[in-house]
Amino acid sequence: MAEIGDRVIIHGRTVGAAERTGVVTGVRGHAEDPLLVVRFDDGHESMLSPGSDCVIVPH
C-alpha cells in the first residue's frame, strides 16, 4: 500500500508517450482498492487508482 511521500511513476500506455512522475500527498479508500492523491512534477494534482502501468517507489 502506498504511503504519503512515496513516488509514483506512470509508464506511457502508447509507444512514445512520456512517463509521468509525482509524489503521493494523500491516500483514500481501503487496502484492496486505494485511491492516491498525487501531485505530479508538473504541478498538476489528481486522484489515481494505481494499475499495471503504475510503479510506487517507497520514500
Protein backbone atom coordinates (compact mmCIF):
# COMPACT_ATOMS: atom_id res chain seq x y z
CA MET A 1 0.00 0.00 0.00
CA ALA A 2 1.31 3.42 -0.89
CA GLU A 3 2.03 5.98 1.80
CA ILE A 4 2.29 9.75 1.80
CA GLY A 5 5.70 10.75 0.44
CA ASP A 6 6.09 7.75 -1.88
CA ARG A 7 6.99 8.47 -5.52
CA VAL A 8 4.68 7.36 -8.34
CA ILE A 9 5.86 6.56 -11.86
CA ILE A 10 3.22 6.04 -14.53
CA HIS A 11 4.55 4.47 -17.72
CA GLY A 12 3.19 5.74 -21.03
CA ARG A 13 0.46 3.50 -22.44
CA THR A 14 1.44 4.01 -26.06
CA VAL A 15 4.76 3.99 -27.89
CA GLY A 16 6.48 7.33 -27.49
CA ALA A 17 4.27 8.51 -24.61
CA ALA A 18 6.27 10.10 -21.78
CA GLU A 19 6.32 8.77 -18.24
CA ARG A 20 4.65 10.86 -15.55
CA THR A 21 6.13 11.10 -12.07
CA GLY A 22 4.85 12.58 -8.86
CA VAL A 23 4.54 12.33 -5.08
CA VAL A 24 1.70 10.78 -3.08
CA THR A 25 0.14 13.55 -0.94
CA GLY A 26 -2.83 11.56 0.36
CA VAL A 27 -4.28 8.04 0.49
CA ARG A 28 -8.03 7.37 0.39
CA GLY A 29 -10.12 4.26 0.03
CA HIS A 30 -9.04 0.94 1.50
CA ALA A 31 -6.20 -1.54 1.03
CA GLU A 32 -7.96 -3.58 -1.69
CA ASP A 33 -8.89 -0.50 -3.76
CA PRO A 34 -6.74 2.52 -2.79
CA LEU A 35 -7.14 5.97 -4.30
CA LEU A 36 -3.99 8.06 -4.22
CA VAL A 37 -3.85 11.83 -4.29
CA VAL A 38 -0.77 12.59 -6.40
CA ARG A 39 0.99 15.87 -7.09
CA PHE A 40 2.78 15.36 -10.39
CA ASP A 41 6.12 17.01 -11.10
CA ASP A 42 4.42 19.45 -13.50
CA GLY A 43 2.32 20.79 -10.58
CA HIS A 44 -0.91 19.04 -11.59
CA GLU A 45 -2.71 17.20 -8.77
CA SER A 46 -5.20 14.38 -9.25
CA MET A 47 -6.61 11.19 -7.76
CA LEU A 48 -5.16 7.97 -9.09
CA SER A 49 -6.23 4.35 -8.84
CA PRO A 50 -2.93 2.51 -9.37
CA GLY A 51 -2.91 -0.02 -12.22
CA SER A 52 -0.42 -2.20 -14.04
CA ASP A 53 1.23 0.85 -15.64
CA CYS A 54 1.96 2.41 -12.24
CA VAL A 55 5.05 1.85 -10.09
CA ILE A 56 5.17 3.04 -6.47
CA VAL A 57 8.64 3.76 -5.06
CA PRO A 58 8.77 3.97 -1.24
CA HIS A 59 10.26 7.17 0.18
